[in-house]
Structure formats: structure tokens, C-alpha cells
N, C-alpha and C. Protein backbone atom coordinates (compact mmCIF):
# COMPACT_ATOMS: atom_id res chain seq x y z
N UNK A 1 0.81 -14.12 6.95
CA UNK A 1 0.15 -15.39 6.80
C UNK A 1 -0.45 -15.48 5.35
N UNK A 2 -0.11 -16.63 4.64
CA UNK A 2 -0.75 -16.74 3.18
C UNK A 2 -1.90 -17.57 3.06
N UNK A 3 -2.89 -17.42 2.34
CA UNK A 3 -3.92 -18.05 2.27
C UNK A 3 -4.14 -18.24 0.76
N UNK A 4 -4.72 -19.43 0.36
CA UNK A 4 -5.06 -19.99 -1.05
C UNK A 4 -6.11 -19.17 -1.35
N UNK A 5 -5.83 -18.36 -2.85
CA UNK A 5 -7.01 -17.45 -3.36
C UNK A 5 -8.13 -18.21 -3.74
N UNK A 6 -9.38 -17.87 -3.30
CA UNK A 6 -10.52 -18.55 -3.75
C UNK A 6 -11.71 -17.45 -4.03
N UNK A 7 -12.70 -18.04 -4.41
CA UNK A 7 -13.89 -16.82 -4.76
C UNK A 7 -14.30 -16.25 -3.56
N UNK A 8 -14.68 -17.11 -2.53
CA UNK A 8 -15.09 -16.60 -1.13
C UNK A 8 -14.15 -15.65 -0.60
N UNK A 9 -12.76 -15.84 -0.61
CA UNK A 9 -11.71 -14.93 -0.28
C UNK A 9 -11.87 -13.48 -1.11
N UNK A 10 -11.90 -13.55 -2.44
CA UNK A 10 -12.14 -12.61 -3.24
C UNK A 10 -13.11 -11.60 -2.75
N UNK A 11 -14.37 -12.35 -2.45
CA UNK A 11 -15.55 -11.70 -1.96
C UNK A 11 -15.18 -11.04 -0.67
N UNK A 12 -14.57 -11.57 0.23
CA UNK A 12 -14.35 -11.00 1.48
C UNK A 12 -13.54 -9.96 1.24
N UNK A 13 -12.47 -10.02 0.48
CA UNK A 13 -11.37 -8.81 0.44
C UNK A 13 -12.24 -7.72 -0.19
N UNK A 14 -13.04 -7.72 -1.30
CA UNK A 14 -14.11 -6.80 -1.96
C UNK A 14 -14.65 -6.23 -0.86
N UNK A 15 -15.43 -6.90 0.02
CA UNK A 15 -16.27 -6.26 1.05
C UNK A 15 -15.59 -5.39 2.23
N UNK A 16 -13.97 -5.65 2.45
CA UNK A 16 -13.31 -4.92 3.04
C UNK A 16 -12.86 -3.70 2.28
N UNK A 17 -13.24 -3.69 1.25
CA UNK A 17 -12.73 -2.33 0.32
C UNK A 17 -11.69 -2.44 -0.49
N UNK A 18 -10.84 -3.62 -0.58
CA UNK A 18 -9.88 -3.95 -1.28
C UNK A 18 -10.17 -4.01 -2.91
N UNK A 19 -9.51 -3.54 -3.86
CA UNK A 19 -9.75 -3.61 -5.18
C UNK A 19 -8.88 -4.20 -6.13
N UNK A 20 -7.63 -4.67 -5.63
CA UNK A 20 -6.63 -5.22 -6.35
C UNK A 20 -5.78 -6.28 -5.70
N UNK A 21 -5.35 -7.18 -6.62
CA UNK A 21 -4.21 -8.19 -5.61
C UNK A 21 -2.96 -7.85 -6.38
N UNK A 22 -1.96 -7.62 -5.83
CA UNK A 22 -0.70 -7.16 -6.71
C UNK A 22 0.61 -7.93 -6.11
N UNK A 23 1.21 -8.53 -6.88
CA UNK A 23 2.60 -9.08 -6.78
C UNK A 23 3.76 -8.19 -7.28
N UNK A 24 4.89 -8.03 -6.68
CA UNK A 24 5.89 -7.38 -7.41
C UNK A 24 6.76 -7.96 -8.49
N UNK A 25 6.10 -9.33 -8.68
CA UNK A 25 6.89 -9.97 -9.62
C UNK A 25 5.98 -11.01 -10.37
N UNK A 26 6.15 -11.37 -11.50
CA UNK A 26 5.38 -12.46 -12.34
C UNK A 26 5.55 -13.80 -11.49
N UNK A 27 4.61 -14.77 -11.76
CA UNK A 27 4.82 -16.00 -11.07
C UNK A 27 6.04 -16.80 -11.48
N UNK A 28 6.59 -17.53 -10.42
CA UNK A 28 7.91 -18.11 -10.63
C UNK A 28 7.87 -19.39 -11.33
N UNK A 29 8.76 -20.16 -11.38
CA UNK A 29 9.11 -21.42 -12.26
C UNK A 29 7.74 -22.52 -11.92
N UNK A 30 7.39 -22.39 -10.60
CA UNK A 30 6.44 -23.21 -10.25
C UNK A 30 5.10 -22.80 -10.57
N UNK A 31 4.82 -21.59 -11.43
CA UNK A 31 3.69 -21.10 -11.68
C UNK A 31 2.98 -20.67 -10.29
N UNK A 32 3.36 -20.36 -9.38
CA UNK A 32 2.51 -19.92 -8.05
C UNK A 32 2.80 -18.32 -8.04
N UNK A 33 2.09 -17.81 -7.46
CA UNK A 33 2.34 -16.21 -7.13
C UNK A 33 1.62 -15.75 -5.94
N UNK A 34 2.39 -15.02 -5.12
CA UNK A 34 1.98 -14.55 -3.65
C UNK A 34 1.52 -13.18 -4.19
N UNK A 35 0.08 -12.71 -3.89
CA UNK A 35 -0.34 -11.46 -4.11
C UNK A 35 -0.62 -10.90 -2.90
N UNK A 36 -0.51 -9.48 -2.77
CA UNK A 36 -1.06 -8.65 -1.73
C UNK A 36 -2.13 -7.70 -1.96
N UNK A 37 -3.16 -7.92 -1.09
CA UNK A 37 -4.56 -7.03 -1.26
C UNK A 37 -4.07 -5.38 -1.49
N UNK A 38 -4.62 -4.77 -2.09
CA UNK A 38 -4.34 -3.31 -2.25
C UNK A 38 -5.77 -2.58 -2.27
N UNK A 39 -5.72 -1.31 -1.88
CA UNK A 39 -6.99 -0.55 -1.86
C UNK A 39 -6.66 0.58 -2.90
N UNK A 40 -6.24 0.10 -4.04
CA UNK A 40 -6.09 1.37 -4.88
C UNK A 40 -7.20 1.61 -5.85
N UNK A 41 -7.35 2.81 -6.27
CA UNK A 41 -8.20 3.44 -7.02
C UNK A 41 -7.95 2.79 -8.71
N UNK A 42 -8.67 1.94 -9.15
CA UNK A 42 -8.58 1.09 -10.16
C UNK A 42 -8.46 2.11 -11.45
N UNK A 43 -9.04 2.92 -11.75
CA UNK A 43 -9.16 3.75 -12.82
C UNK A 43 -7.90 4.71 -12.76
N UNK A 44 -7.44 5.32 -11.60
CA UNK A 44 -6.25 5.88 -11.44
C UNK A 44 -5.04 5.02 -11.70
N UNK A 45 -5.00 3.93 -11.19
CA UNK A 45 -4.07 2.87 -11.51
C UNK A 45 -3.62 2.71 -12.86
N UNK A 46 -4.98 2.27 -13.59
CA UNK A 46 -4.75 2.04 -14.96
C UNK A 46 -4.26 3.54 -16.04
N UNK A 47 -4.58 4.37 -15.64
CA UNK A 47 -4.39 5.65 -16.32
C UNK A 47 -3.06 6.27 -15.73
N UNK A 48 -2.49 5.91 -14.58
CA UNK A 48 -1.45 6.58 -14.18
C UNK A 48 -0.02 5.93 -14.37
N UNK A 49 1.07 6.43 -13.91
CA UNK A 49 2.18 6.16 -14.06
C UNK A 49 2.51 4.63 -13.61
N UNK A 50 1.90 4.31 -12.36
CA UNK A 50 2.32 3.10 -11.77
C UNK A 50 2.05 2.00 -12.83
N UNK A 51 0.97 1.91 -13.61
CA UNK A 51 0.61 0.87 -14.34
C UNK A 51 1.74 0.78 -15.52
N UNK A 52 2.03 1.87 -16.13
CA UNK A 52 3.11 1.90 -17.17
C UNK A 52 4.41 1.30 -16.51
N UNK A 53 4.77 1.65 -15.41
CA UNK A 53 6.05 0.86 -14.69
C UNK A 53 5.71 -0.39 -13.97
N UNK A 54 4.57 -0.89 -14.05
CA UNK A 54 4.07 -2.38 -13.56
C UNK A 54 4.17 -3.44 -14.53
N UNK A 55 4.70 -3.20 -15.44
CA UNK A 55 4.86 -4.22 -16.37
C UNK A 55 5.32 -5.65 -15.88
N UNK A 56 6.30 -5.57 -14.92
CA UNK A 56 6.57 -6.88 -14.25
C UNK A 56 5.87 -7.24 -13.03
N UNK A 57 4.54 -6.52 -12.84
CA UNK A 57 3.67 -6.84 -11.69
C UNK A 57 2.81 -8.08 -12.37
N UNK A 58 2.33 -8.83 -11.14
CA UNK A 58 1.36 -9.80 -11.55
C UNK A 58 0.21 -8.98 -10.72
N UNK A 59 -0.90 -8.89 -11.48
CA UNK A 59 -2.06 -7.87 -11.05
C UNK A 59 -3.38 -8.58 -11.35
N UNK A 60 -4.30 -8.41 -10.47
CA UNK A 60 -5.51 -9.06 -10.36
C UNK A 60 -6.57 -7.98 -9.87
N UNK A 61 -7.54 -7.50 -10.82
CA UNK A 61 -8.33 -6.57 -10.36
C UNK A 61 -9.72 -7.65 -9.57
N UNK A 62 -9.85 -7.13 -8.42
CA UNK A 62 -11.12 -8.13 -7.92
C UNK A 62 -12.26 -8.09 -8.46
N UNK A 63 -12.78 -7.02 -8.76
CA UNK A 63 -13.92 -6.90 -9.55
C UNK A 63 -14.29 -7.73 -10.67
N UNK A 64 -13.18 -7.54 -11.57
CA UNK A 64 -13.07 -8.09 -12.76
C UNK A 64 -12.87 -9.69 -12.73
N UNK A 65 -12.39 -10.19 -11.77
CA UNK A 65 -12.32 -11.77 -11.33
C UNK A 65 -13.53 -12.24 -10.86
N UNK A 66 -14.26 -11.48 -10.37
CA UNK A 66 -15.55 -11.72 -9.80
C UNK A 66 -16.63 -11.87 -10.91
N UNK A 67 -16.67 -10.72 -11.86
CA UNK A 67 -17.63 -10.67 -12.82
C UNK A 67 -17.28 -11.68 -13.86
N UNK A 68 -16.01 -12.04 -14.03
CA UNK A 68 -15.68 -13.28 -14.89
C UNK A 68 -16.05 -14.47 -14.66
N UNK A 69 -16.51 -14.58 -13.09
CA UNK A 69 -16.85 -15.73 -12.61
C UNK A 69 -15.73 -16.74 -12.96
N UNK A 70 -14.63 -16.40 -12.60
CA UNK A 70 -13.26 -17.53 -12.67
C UNK A 70 -13.61 -18.81 -11.87
N UNK A 71 -12.84 -19.55 -12.39
CA UNK A 71 -12.98 -20.81 -11.53
C UNK A 71 -12.11 -21.06 -10.68
N UNK A 72 -12.39 -21.78 -9.58
CA UNK A 72 -11.48 -21.94 -8.51
C UNK A 72 -10.12 -22.62 -8.95
N UNK A 73 -10.20 -23.18 -10.04
CA UNK A 73 -9.03 -23.87 -10.68
C UNK A 73 -7.89 -22.85 -11.22
N UNK A 74 -8.60 -21.78 -11.80
CA UNK A 74 -7.77 -20.76 -12.16
C UNK A 74 -7.16 -19.93 -11.00
N UNK A 75 -7.55 -20.02 -9.89
CA UNK A 75 -6.88 -19.10 -8.71
C UNK A 75 -5.99 -19.82 -7.93
N UNK A 76 -6.00 -21.39 -8.36
CA UNK A 76 -4.91 -22.25 -7.48
C UNK A 76 -3.57 -21.61 -7.42
N UNK A 77 -3.19 -21.05 -8.44
CA UNK A 77 -1.70 -20.58 -8.62
C UNK A 77 -1.48 -19.31 -7.70
N UNK A 78 -2.58 -18.85 -7.18
CA UNK A 78 -2.23 -17.58 -6.20
C UNK A 78 -2.56 -17.93 -4.92
N UNK A 79 -1.53 -17.23 -4.09
CA UNK A 79 -1.67 -17.20 -2.56
C UNK A 79 -1.72 -15.82 -2.11
N UNK A 80 -2.63 -15.53 -1.13
CA UNK A 80 -2.77 -14.12 -0.65
C UNK A 80 -2.07 -13.82 0.71
N UNK A 81 -1.24 -12.75 0.60
CA UNK A 81 -0.38 -12.58 1.83
C UNK A 81 -1.42 -11.71 2.74
N UNK A 82 -1.80 -12.08 3.69
CA UNK A 82 -2.78 -11.12 4.61
C UNK A 82 -2.09 -10.67 5.89
């Protein structure tokens, strides 16, 4: 089931222990992207091999998105696969 990404949804996912939202590919021609929540260690991801290989990934770090107080408008291009 897909759900539109919103600030409240980011907070819910963070409360459940999710740290990142990841897609195996970048946004398509319509500029939308379906992401999947992950409970990955952020520091380990950034310094590990997966990040180096993840150049084609669309990646959102939940904590960063909440700290930046991103606008709901910025999140409209993302849908979350739950």
C-alpha cells in the first residue's frame, strides 16, 4: 500500500524506529518516487560500501528531513510503500 509522504508520516515512521526512506532508482519522468522505509544505521550507511554503490538510489534520511522542517510541498513527489 502506498501513502503520500507527509510530515506527520515522517514522525510516525521515526517513532517506529525507521531511519531512512530509500528507492532503488531516482524519480521517474513524472518526478514522483516510491520509497520504502528502512531501519538502517545512518552512520554505517554513509561510511559503508552501500552508500558508495547507492549512487542511483533516491535516499531521504528521516531525521534530516524533520530537522530541516521541509515543506509539505517538497514531499509531494514521494510516496511511501508501507
